PDB file of N, CA and C in Angstrom:
ATOM      1  N   MET A   1      39.639 -62.354  33.940  1.00  0.00           N
ATOM      2  CA  MET A   1      40.314 -61.389  33.101  1.00  0.00           C
ATOM      3  C   MET A   1      40.811 -62.085  31.840  1.00  0.00           C
ATOM      4  N   GLU A   2      40.770 -61.380  30.739  1.00  0.00           N
ATOM      5  CA  GLU A   2      41.197 -61.908  29.447  1.00  0.00           C
ATOM      6  C   GLU A   2      42.709 -62.111  29.416  1.00  0.00           C
ATOM      7  N   ASP A   3      43.142 -63.104  28.641  1.00  0.00           N
ATOM      8  CA  ASP A   3      44.560 -63.359  28.440  1.00  0.00           C
ATOM      9  C   ASP A   3      45.004 -62.600  27.189  1.00  0.00           C
ATOM     10  N   PHE A   4      45.705 -61.507  27.373  1.00  0.00           N
ATOM     11  CA  PHE A   4      46.137 -60.685  26.253  1.00  0.00           C
ATOM     12  C   PHE A   4      47.517 -61.087  25.738  1.00  0.00           C
ATOM     13  N   SER A   5      48.062 -62.189  26.236  1.00  0.00           N
ATOM     14  CA  SER A   5      49.376 -62.629  25.781  1.00  0.00           C
ATOM     15  C   SER A   5      49.286 -63.420  24.475  1.00  0.00           C
ATOM     16  N   THR A   6      48.099 -63.914  24.116  1.00  0.00           N
ATOM     17  CA  THR A   6      47.955 -64.654  22.864  1.00  0.00           C
ATOM     18  C   THR A   6      47.913 -63.673  21.693  1.00  0.00           C
ATOM     19  N   PRO A   7      48.466 -64.070  20.551  1.00  0.00           N
ATOM     20  CA  PRO A   7      48.498 -63.146  19.410  1.00  0.00           C
ATOM     21  C   PRO A   7      47.098 -62.888  18.849  1.00  0.00           C
ATOM     22  N   LEU A   8      46.938 -61.711  18.269  1.00  0.00           N
ATOM     23  CA  LEU A   8      45.671 -61.353  17.640  1.00  0.00           C
ATOM     24  C   LEU A   8      45.475 -62.164  16.366  1.00  0.00           C
ATOM     25  N   GLN A   9      44.214 -62.387  16.014  1.00  0.00           N
ATOM     26  CA  GLN A   9      43.891 -63.124  14.800  1.00  0.00           C
ATOM     27  C   GLN A   9      43.081 -62.232  13.876  1.00  0.00           C
ATOM     28  N   LYS A  10      43.236 -62.437  12.578  1.00  0.00           N
ATOM     29  CA  LYS A  10      42.492 -61.667  11.585  1.00  0.00           C
ATOM     30  C   LYS A  10      41.490 -62.570  10.887  1.00  0.00           C
ATOM     31  N   MET A  11      40.355 -61.975  10.540  1.00  0.00           N
ATOM     32  CA  MET A  11      39.345 -62.658   9.738  1.00  0.00           C
ATOM     33  C   MET A  11      38.901 -61.697   8.648  1.00  0.00           C
ATOM     34  N   SER A  12      38.629 -62.222   7.469  1.00  0.00           N
ATOM     35  CA  SER A  12      38.126 -61.391   6.372  1.00  0.00           C
ATOM     36  C   SER A  12      36.612 -61.392   6.372  1.00  0.00           C
ATOM     37  N   LEU A  13      36.039 -60.212   6.176  1.00  0.00           N
ATOM     38  CA  LEU A  13      34.594 -60.070   6.047  1.00  0.00           C
ATOM     39  C   LEU A  13      34.314 -59.626   4.618  1.00  0.00           C
ATOM     40  N   GLN A  14      33.780 -60.534   3.828  1.00  0.00           N
ATOM     41  CA  GLN A  14      33.549 -60.269   2.415  1.00  0.00           C
ATOM     42  C   GLN A  14      32.600 -59.088   2.229  1.00  0.00           C
ATOM     43  N   ASP A  15      32.950 -58.204   1.324  1.00  0.00           N
ATOM     44  CA  ASP A  15      32.145 -57.030   0.964  1.00  0.00           C
ATOM     45  C   ASP A  15      31.931 -56.061   2.119  1.00  0.00           C
ATOM     46  N   CYS A  16      32.754 -56.121   3.165  1.00  0.00           N
ATOM     47  CA  CYS A  16      32.633 -55.204   4.300  1.00  0.00           C
ATOM     48  C   CYS A  16      33.508 -53.979   4.040  1.00  0.00           C
ATOM     49  N   SER A  17      32.896 -52.793   4.125  1.00  0.00           N
ATOM     50  CA  SER A  17      33.660 -51.568   3.893  1.00  0.00           C
ATOM     51  C   SER A  17      33.912 -50.777   5.175  1.00  0.00           C
ATOM     52  N   GLU A  18      33.198 -51.127   6.255  1.00  0.00           N
ATOM     53  CA  GLU A  18      33.346 -50.375   7.508  1.00  0.00           C
ATOM     54  C   GLU A  18      32.854 -51.228   8.672  1.00  0.00           C
ATOM     55  N   ILE A  19      33.599 -51.232   9.768  1.00  0.00           N
ATOM     56  CA  ILE A  19      33.179 -51.888  11.011  1.00  0.00           C
ATOM     57  C   ILE A  19      32.972 -50.802  12.054  1.00  0.00           C
ATOM     58  N   THR A  20      31.804 -50.806  12.701  1.00  0.00           N
ATOM     59  CA  THR A  20      31.484 -49.754  13.666  1.00  0.00           C
ATOM     60  C   THR A  20      31.261 -50.266  15.079  1.00  0.00           C
ATOM     61  N   CYS A  21      30.948 -51.567  15.234  1.00  0.00           N
ATOM     62  CA  CYS A  21      30.666 -52.079  16.574  1.00  0.00           C
ATOM     63  C   CYS A  21      30.800 -53.601  16.593  1.00  0.00           C
ATOM     64  N   MET A  22      31.025 -54.143  17.799  1.00  0.00           N
ATOM     65  CA  MET A  22      31.132 -55.590  17.991  1.00  0.00           C
ATOM     66  C   MET A  22      30.567 -55.952  19.352  1.00  0.00           C
ATOM     67  N   ILE A  23      30.040 -57.188  19.437  1.00  0.00           N
ATOM     68  CA  ILE A  23      29.554 -57.699  20.711  1.00  0.00           C
ATOM     69  C   ILE A  23      29.708 -59.220  20.707  1.00  0.00           C
ATOM     70  N   LYS A  24      30.083 -59.775  21.856  1.00  0.00           N
ATOM     71  CA  LYS A  24      30.181 -61.229  21.982  1.00  0.00           C
ATOM     72  C   LYS A  24      28.873 -61.747  22.571  1.00  0.00           C
ATOM     73  N   VAL A  25      28.271 -62.726  21.894  1.00  0.00           N
ATOM     74  CA  VAL A  25      27.028 -63.349  22.343  1.00  0.00           C
ATOM     75  C   VAL A  25      27.238 -64.857  22.305  1.00  0.00           C
ATOM     76  N   LYS A  26      27.120 -65.487  23.465  1.00  0.00           N
ATOM     77  CA  LYS A  26      27.410 -66.917  23.603  1.00  0.00           C
ATOM     78  C   LYS A  26      28.813 -67.171  23.063  1.00  0.00           C
ATOM     79  N   ASN A  27      28.957 -68.060  22.086  1.00  0.00           N
ATOM     80  CA  ASN A  27      30.279 -68.358  21.529  1.00  0.00           C
ATOM     81  C   ASN A  27      30.509 -67.667  20.193  1.00  0.00           C
ATOM     82  N   GLN A  28      29.765 -66.607  19.936  1.00  0.00           N
ATOM     83  CA  GLN A  28      29.856 -65.919  18.654  1.00  0.00           C
ATOM     84  C   GLN A  28      30.277 -64.467  18.861  1.00  0.00           C
ATOM     85  N   MET A  29      30.879 -63.908  17.818  1.00  0.00           N
ATOM     86  CA  MET A  29      31.171 -62.483  17.781  1.00  0.00           C
ATOM     87  C   MET A  29      30.264 -61.879  16.719  1.00  0.00           C
ATOM     88  N   TRP A  30      29.486 -60.876  17.109  1.00  0.00           N
ATOM     89  CA  TRP A  30      28.600 -60.161  16.186  1.00  0.00           C
ATOM     90  C   TRP A  30      29.276 -58.842  15.847  1.00  0.00           C
ATOM     91  N   VAL A  31      29.397 -58.545  14.555  1.00  0.00           N
ATOM     92  CA  VAL A  31      30.100 -57.361  14.078  1.00  0.00           C
ATOM     93  C   VAL A  31      29.137 -56.530  13.233  1.00  0.00           C
ATOM     94  N   GLY A  32      28.975 -55.267  13.589  1.00  0.00           N
ATOM     95  CA  GLY A  32      28.098 -54.370  12.833  1.00  0.00           C
ATOM     96  C   GLY A  32      28.896 -53.416  11.979  1.00  0.00           C
ATOM     97  N   GLY A  33      28.320 -53.067  10.842  1.00  0.00           N
ATOM     98  CA  GLY A  33      28.997 -52.129   9.963  1.00  0.00           C
ATOM     99  C   GLY A  33      28.232 -51.866   8.687  1.00  0.00           C
ATOM    100  N   ARG A  34      28.995 -51.770   7.607  1.00  0.00           N
ATOM    101  CA  ARG A  34      28.431 -51.444   6.294  1.00  0.00           C
ATOM    102  C   ARG A  34      29.118 -52.319   5.257  1.00  0.00           C
ATOM    103  N   GLY A  35      28.350 -52.747   4.250  1.00  0.00           N
ATOM    104  CA  GLY A  35      28.925 -53.554   3.184  1.00  0.00           C
ATOM    105  C   GLY A  35      27.976 -53.672   2.010  1.00  0.00           C
ATOM    106  N   LEU A  36      28.452 -54.315   0.963  1.00  0.00           N
ATOM    107  CA  LEU A  36      27.638 -54.504  -0.234  1.00  0.00           C
ATOM    108  C   LEU A  36      26.680 -55.676  -0.057  1.00  0.00           C
ATOM    109  N   SER A  37      25.449 -55.484  -0.526  1.00  0.00           N
ATOM    110  CA  SER A  37      24.446 -56.540  -0.558  1.00  0.00           C
ATOM    111  C   SER A  37      23.640 -56.356  -1.836  1.00  0.00           C
ATOM    112  N   GLN A  38      23.729 -57.318  -2.723  1.00  0.00           N
ATOM    113  CA  GLN A  38      23.046 -57.264  -4.018  1.00  0.00           C
ATOM    114  C   GLN A  38      23.385 -55.983  -4.771  1.00  0.00           C
ATOM    115  N   GLY A  39      24.659 -55.611  -4.720  1.00  0.00           N
ATOM    116  CA  GLY A  39      25.148 -54.460  -5.465  1.00  0.00           C
ATOM    117  C   GLY A  39      24.903 -53.102  -4.834  1.00  0.00           C
ATOM    118  N   LYS A  40      24.272 -53.062  -3.660  1.00  0.00           N
ATOM    119  CA  LYS A  40      23.994 -51.796  -2.978  1.00  0.00           C
ATOM    120  C   LYS A  40      24.663 -51.785  -1.611  1.00  0.00           C
ATOM    121  N   VAL A  41      25.054 -50.597  -1.157  1.00  0.00           N
ATOM    122  CA  VAL A  41      25.650 -50.462   0.173  1.00  0.00           C
ATOM    123  C   VAL A  41      24.531 -50.502   1.202  1.00  0.00           C
ATOM    124  N   LYS A  42      24.658 -51.415   2.170  1.00  0.00           N
ATOM    125  CA  LYS A  42      23.636 -51.607   3.208  1.00  0.00           C
ATOM    126  C   LYS A  42      24.321 -51.740   4.564  1.00  0.00           C
ATOM    127  N   GLY A  43      23.535 -51.568   5.621  1.00  0.00           N
ATOM    128  CA  GLY A  43      24.016 -51.893   6.949  1.00  0.00           C
ATOM    129  C   GLY A  43      23.989 -53.402   7.114  1.00  0.00           C
ATOM    130  N   LYS A  44      25.065 -53.963   7.663  1.00  0.00           N
ATOM    131  CA  LYS A  44      25.165 -55.418   7.786  1.00  0.00           C
ATOM    132  C   LYS A  44      25.616 -55.809   9.182  1.00  0.00           C
ATOM    133  N   VAL A  45      25.178 -56.997   9.587  1.00  0.00           N
ATOM    134  CA  VAL A  45      25.666 -57.622  10.808  1.00  0.00           C
ATOM    135  C   VAL A  45      26.284 -58.951  10.397  1.00  0.00           C
ATOM    136  N   TYR A  46      27.532 -59.146  10.763  1.00  0.00           N
ATOM    137  CA  TYR A  46      28.236 -60.391  10.480  1.00  0.00           C
ATOM    138  C   TYR A  46      28.293 -61.196  11.773  1.00  0.00           C
ATOM    139  N   VAL A  47      27.914 -62.466  11.703  1.00  0.00           N
ATOM    140  CA  VAL A  47      27.973 -63.350  12.868  1.00  0.00           C
ATOM    141  C   VAL A  47      29.151 -64.294  12.645  1.00  0.00           C
ATOM    142  N   LEU A  48      30.135 -64.227  13.556  1.00  0.00           N
ATOM    143  CA  LEU A  48      31.385 -64.958  13.381  1.00  0.00           C
ATOM    144  C   LEU A  48      31.537 -66.078  14.392  1.00  0.00           C
ATOM    145  N   ASP A  49      32.062 -67.199  13.919  1.00  0.00           N
ATOM    146  CA  ASP A  49      32.532 -68.269  14.792  1.00  0.00           C
ATOM    147  C   ASP A  49      34.037 -68.059  14.890  1.00  0.00           C
ATOM    148  N   THR A  50      34.481 -67.492  15.994  1.00  0.00           N
ATOM    149  CA  THR A  50      35.891 -67.118  16.115  1.00  0.00           C
ATOM    150  C   THR A  50      36.804 -68.321  16.317  1.00  0.00           C
ATOM    151  N   GLU A  51      36.284 -69.417  16.853  1.00  0.00           N
ATOM    152  CA  GLU A  51      37.116 -70.608  17.034  1.00  0.00           C
ATOM    153  C   GLU A  51      37.456 -71.247  15.694  1.00  0.00           C
ATOM    154  N   ARG A  52      36.468 -71.337  14.814  1.00  0.00           N
ATOM    155  CA  ARG A  52      36.691 -71.938  13.498  1.00  0.00           C
ATOM    156  C   ARG A  52      37.085 -70.901  12.449  1.00  0.00           C
ATOM    157  N   LYS A  53      37.088 -69.629  12.845  1.00  0.00           N
ATOM    158  CA  LYS A  53      37.432 -68.515  11.951  1.00  0.00           C
ATOM    159  C   LYS A  53      36.544 -68.501  10.710  1.00  0.00           C
ATOM    160  N   LEU A  54      35.219 -68.561  10.946  1.00  0.00           N
ATOM    161  CA  LEU A  54      34.236 -68.575   9.866  1.00  0.00           C
ATOM    162  C   LEU A  54      33.187 -67.498  10.067  1.00  0.00           C
ATOM    163  N   VAL A  55      32.705 -66.957   8.963  1.00  0.00           N
ATOM    164  CA  VAL A  55      31.532 -66.092   9.009  1.00  0.00           C
ATOM    165  C   VAL A  55      30.323 -67.018   8.907  1.00  0.00           C
ATOM    166  N   GLU A  56      29.548 -67.113   9.987  1.00  0.00           N
ATOM    167  CA  GLU A  56      28.386 -67.998   9.992  1.00  0.00           C
ATOM    168  C   GLU A  56      27.236 -67.414   9.188  1.00  0.00           C
ATOM    169  N   LYS A  57      27.078 -66.093   9.268  1.00  0.00           N
ATOM    170  CA  LYS A  57      25.928 -65.474   8.617  1.00  0.00           C
ATOM    171  C   LYS A  57      26.195 -63.997   8.392  1.00  0.00           C
ATOM    172  N   GLU A  58      25.662 -63.469   7.295  1.00  0.00           N
ATOM    173  CA  GLU A  58      25.633 -62.030   7.048  1.00  0.00           C
ATOM    174  C   GLU A  58      24.172 -61.619   7.092  1.00  0.00           C
ATOM    175  N   LEU A  59      23.830 -60.761   8.029  1.00  0.00           N
ATOM    176  CA  LEU A  59      22.446 -60.340   8.219  1.00  0.00           C
ATOM    177  C   LEU A  59      22.266 -58.924   7.685  1.00  0.00           C
ATOM    178  N   VAL A  60      21.274 -58.741   6.829  1.00  0.00           N
ATOM    179  CA  VAL A  60      20.997 -57.430   6.248  1.00  0.00           C
ATOM    180  C   VAL A  60      19.599 -57.017   6.679  1.00  0.00           C
ATOM    181  N   GLY A  61      19.520 -55.970   7.491  1.00  0.00           N
ATOM    182  CA  GLY A  61      18.232 -55.480   7.962  1.00  0.00           C
ATOM    183  C   GLY A  61      18.185 -53.966   8.045  1.00  0.00           C
ATOM    184  N   HIS A  62      19.232 -53.322   7.535  1.00  0.00           N
ATOM    185  CA  HIS A  62      19.328 -51.862   7.619  1.00  0.00           C
ATOM    186  C   HIS A  62      19.731 -51.290   6.264  1.00  0.00           C
ATOM    187  N   THR A  63      19.199 -50.120   5.959  1.00  0.00           N
ATOM    188  CA  THR A  63      19.615 -49.419   4.742  1.00  0.00           C
ATOM    189  C   THR A  63      20.802 -48.501   5.013  1.00  0.00           C
ATOM    190  N   ASP A  64      21.034 -48.163   6.286  1.00  0.00           N
ATOM    191  CA  ASP A  64      22.162 -47.326   6.684  1.00  0.00           C
ATOM    192  C   ASP A  64      23.123 -48.181   7.518  1.00  0.00           C
ATOM    193  N   VAL A  65      24.296 -47.671   7.774  1.00  0.00           N
ATOM    194  CA  VAL A  65      25.313 -48.383   8.544  1.00  0.00           C
ATOM    195  C   VAL A  65      24.762 -48.814   9.907  1.00  0.00           C
ATOM    196  N   VAL A  66      25.177 -49.989  10.383  1.00  0.00           N
ATOM    197  CA  VAL A  66      24.823 -50.448  11.728  1.00  0.00           C
ATOM    198  C   VAL A  66      25.742 -49.731  12.706  1.00  0.00           C
ATOM    199  N   LYS A  67      25.165 -48.968  13.627  1.00  0.00           N
ATOM    200  CA  LYS A  67      25.946 -48.156  14.559  1.00  0.00           C
ATOM    201  C   LYS A  67      26.070 -48.771  15.945  1.00  0.00           C
ATOM    202  N   SER A  68      25.134 -49.687  16.305  1.00  0.00           N
ATOM    203  CA  SER A  68      25.198 -50.252  17.654  1.00  0.00           C
ATOM    204  C   SER A  68      24.610 -51.652  17.676  1.00  0.00           C
ATOM    205  N   LEU A  69      25.128 -52.459  18.617  1.00  0.00           N
ATOM    206  CA  LEU A  69      24.642 -53.814  18.861  1.00  0.00           C
ATOM    207  C   LEU A  69      24.446 -53.983  20.358  1.00  0.00           C
ATOM    208  N   CYS A  70      23.381 -54.681  20.728  1.00  0.00           N
ATOM    209  CA  CYS A  70      23.075 -54.910  22.136  1.00  0.00           C
ATOM    210  C   CYS A  70      22.475 -56.297  22.278  1.00  0.00           C
ATOM    211  N   SER A  71      22.894 -57.036  23.294  1.00  0.00           N
ATOM    212  CA  SER A  71      22.360 -58.372  23.546  1.00  0.00           C
ATOM    213  C   SER A  71      21.305 -58.312  24.638  1.00  0.00           C
ATOM    214  N   ALA A  72      20.215 -59.031  24.427  1.00  0.00           N
ATOM    215  CA  ALA A  72      19.158 -59.154  25.427  1.00  0.00           C
ATOM    216  C   ALA A  72      19.134 -60.596  25.907  1.00  0.00           C
ATOM    217  N   GLU A  73      19.765 -60.825  27.059  1.00  0.00           N
ATOM    218  CA  GLU A  73      19.798 -62.137  27.713  1.00  0.00           C
ATOM    219  C   GLU A  73      20.360 -63.246  26.830  1.00  0.00           C
ATOM    220  N   ASP A  74      21.250 -62.921  25.900  1.00  0.00           N
ATOM    221  CA  ASP A  74      21.843 -63.884  24.963  1.00  0.00           C
ATOM    222  C   ASP A  74      20.808 -64.599  24.100  1.00  0.00           C
ATOM    223  N   ARG A  75      19.576 -64.092  24.069  1.00  0.00           N
ATOM    224  CA  ARG A  75      18.528 -64.693  23.233  1.00  0.00           C
ATOM    225  C   ARG A  75      18.239 -63.843  22.009  1.00  0.00           C
ATOM    226  N   TYR A  76      18.466 -62.546  22.127  1.00  0.00           N
ATOM    227  CA  TYR A  76      18.217 -61.617  21.030  1.00  0.00           C
ATOM    228  C   TYR A  76      19.390 -60.657  20.913  1.00  0.00           C
ATOM    229  N   VAL A  77      19.624 -60.191  19.696  1.00  0.00           N
ATOM    230  CA  VAL A  77      20.577 -59.112  19.467  1.00  0.00           C
ATOM    231  C   VAL A  77      19.817 -57.992  18.774  1.00  0.00           C
ATOM    232  N   LEU A  78      19.955 -56.791  19.302  1.00  0.00           N
ATOM    233  CA  LEU A  78      19.341 -55.607  18.710  1.00  0.00           C
ATOM    234  C   LEU A  78      20.423 -54.846  17.968  1.00  0.00           C
ATOM    235  N   SER A  79      20.126 -54.481  16.725  1.00  0.00           N
ATOM    236  CA  SER A  79      21.072 -53.688  15.939  1.00  0.00           C
ATOM    237  C   SER A  79      20.418 -52.362  15.585  1.00  0.00           C
ATOM    238  N   GLY A  80      21.170 -51.289  15.788  1.00  0.00           N
ATOM    239  CA  GLY A  80      20.654 -49.950  15.516  1.00  0.00           C
ATOM    240  C   GLY A  80      21.286 -49.354  14.281  1.00  0.00           C
ATOM    241  N   GLY A  81      20.436 -48.861  13.378  1.00  0.00           N
ATOM    242  CA  GLY A  81      20.909 -48.236  12.147  1.00  0.00           C
ATOM    243  C   GLY A  81      21.339 -46.796  12.374  1.00  0.00           C
ATOM    244  N   GLY A  82      22.031 -46.246  11.399  1.00  0.00           N
ATOM    245  CA  GLY A  82      22.520 -44.874  11.471  1.00  0.00           C
ATOM    246  C   GLY A  82      21.413 -43.843  11.373  1.00  0.00           C
ATOM    247  N   LYS A  83      21.807 -42.565  11.454  1.00  0.00           N
ATOM    248  CA  LYS A  83      20.824 -41.481  11.541  1.00  0.00           C
ATOM    249  C   LYS A  83      19.986 -41.330  10.278  1.00  0.00           C
ATOM    250  N   GLU A  84      20.481 -41.771   9.130  1.00  0.00           N
ATOM    251  CA  GLU A  84      19.687 -41.697   7.901  1.00  0.00           C
ATOM    252  C   GLU A  84      18.482 -42.630   7.965  1.00  0.00           C
ATOM    253  N   GLU A  85      18.584 -43.698   8.756  1.00  0.00           N
ATOM    254  CA  GLU A  85      17.522 -44.696   8.858  1.00  0.00           C
ATOM    255  C   GLU A  85      16.797 -44.603  10.196  1.00  0.00           C
ATOM    256  N   GLY A  86      17.561 -44.651  11.281  1.00  0.00           N
ATOM    257  CA  GLY A  86      16.987 -44.521  12.617  1.00  0.00           C
ATOM    258  C   GLY A  86      16.119 -45.677  13.065  1.00  0.00           C
ATOM    259  N   LYS A  87      16.393 -46.894  12.599  1.00  0.00           N
ATOM    260  CA  LYS A  87      15.583 -48.056  12.975  1.00  0.00           C
ATOM    261  C   LYS A  87      16.403 -49.038  13.797  1.00  0.00           C
ATOM    262  N   ILE A  88      15.685 -49.891  14.527  1.00  0.00           N
ATOM    263  CA  ILE A  88      16.303 -50.964  15.300  1.00  0.00           C
ATOM    264  C   ILE A  88      15.777 -52.289  14.766  1.00  0.00           C
ATOM    265  N   ALA A  89      16.688 -53.226  14.509  1.00  0.00           N
ATOM    266  CA  ALA A  89      16.308 -54.583  14.108  1.00  0.00           C
ATOM    267  C   ALA A  89      16.544 -55.505  15.295  1.00  0.00           C
ATOM    268  N   ILE A  90      15.679 -56.490  15.458  1.00  0.00           N
ATOM    269  CA  ILE A  90      15.807 -57.469  16.538  1.00  0.00           C
ATOM    270  C   ILE A  90      16.041 -58.831  15.899  1.00  0.00           C
ATOM    271  N   TRP A  91      17.153 -59.457  16.273  1.00  0.00           N
ATOM    272  CA  TRP A  91      17.540 -60.756  15.724  1.00  0.00           C
ATOM    273  C   TRP A  91      17.448 -61.803  16.823  1.00  0.00           C
ATOM    274  N   LYS A  92      16.801 -62.903  16.542  1.00  0.00           N
ATOM    275  CA  LYS A  92      16.709 -64.002  17.504  1.00  0.00           C
ATOM    276  C   LYS A  92      17.935 -64.890  17.329  1.00  0.00           C
ATOM    277  N   VAL A  93      18.663 -65.124  18.411  1.00  0.00           N
ATOM    278  CA  VAL A  93      19.876 -65.930  18.370  1.00  0.00           C
ATOM    279  C   VAL A  93      19.479 -67.387  18.574  1.00  0.00           C
ATOM    280  N   GLU A  94      19.735 -68.192  17.566  1.00  0.00           N
ATOM    281  CA  GLU A  94      19.499 -69.632  17.657  1.00  0.00           C
ATOM    282  C   GLU A  94      20.672 -70.309  16.985  1.00  0.00           C
ATOM    283  N   GLU A  95      21.645 -70.687  17.764  1.00  0.00           N
ATOM    284  CA  GLU A  95      22.884 -71.217  17.199  1.00  0.00           C
ATOM    285  C   GLU A  95      22.661 -72.439  16.309  1.00  0.00           C
ATOM    286  N   SER A  96      21.769 -73.330  16.707  1.00  0.00           N
ATOM    287  CA  SER A  96      21.599 -74.552  15.930  1.00  0.00           C
ATOM    288  C   SER A  96      20.607 -74.392  14.786  1.00  0.00           C
ATOM    289  N   LEU A  97      19.723 -73.393  14.856  1.00  0.00           N
ATOM    290  CA  LEU A  97      18.665 -73.255  13.854  1.00  0.00           C
ATOM    291  C   LEU A  97      18.884 -72.098  12.897  1.00  0.00           C
ATOM    292  N   GLY A  98      19.878 -71.286  13.138  1.00  0.00           N
ATOM    293  CA  GLY A  98      20.087 -70.125  12.281  1.00  0.00           C
ATOM    294  C   GLY A  98      19.623 -68.858  12.964  1.00  0.00           C
ATOM    295  N   PHE A  99      19.170 -67.889  12.189  1.00  0.00           N
ATOM    296  CA  PHE A  99      18.831 -66.581  12.724  1.00  0.00           C
ATOM    297  C   PHE A  99      17.514 -66.133  12.139  1.00  0.00           C
ATOM    298  N   GLN A 100      16.744 -65.443  12.945  1.00  0.00           N
ATOM    299  CA  GLN A 100      15.468 -64.915  12.497  1.00  0.00           C
ATOM    300  C   GLN A 100      15.453 -63.420  12.712  1.00  0.00           C
ATOM    301  N   PHE A 101      14.898 -62.708  11.761  1.00  0.00           N
ATOM    302  CA  PHE A 101      14.648 -61.277  11.909  1.00  0.00           C
ATOM    303  C   PHE A 101      13.283 -61.165  12.552  1.00  0.00           C
ATOM    304  N   VAL A 102      13.218 -60.600  13.768  1.00  0.00           N
ATOM    305  CA  VAL A 102      11.963 -60.536  14.525  1.00  0.00           C
ATOM    306  C   VAL A 102      11.264 -59.230  14.241  1.00  0.00           C
TER     307      VAL A 102
END
């Protein structure tokens, strides 16, 4: 069971205008939502290192807001776009090598 006696921590997500979902994968927190990318509003996935309080990566693979995140055996993360787009992106989780859009 989680220890809820420790205080909550805040992290800033640059250019993030909306958070819609989160999932913990290995030692990372994946956050789905919407934010600016190259001057346009896009669906984004932020990969966070919560221990160091850093954004490791901002992944852009959707034109609409990211509505859902799902982990497949801690090797892949699937992100689902909103109804305007209706697509699923598959991200390969490789902590030491970065991230690949599959």
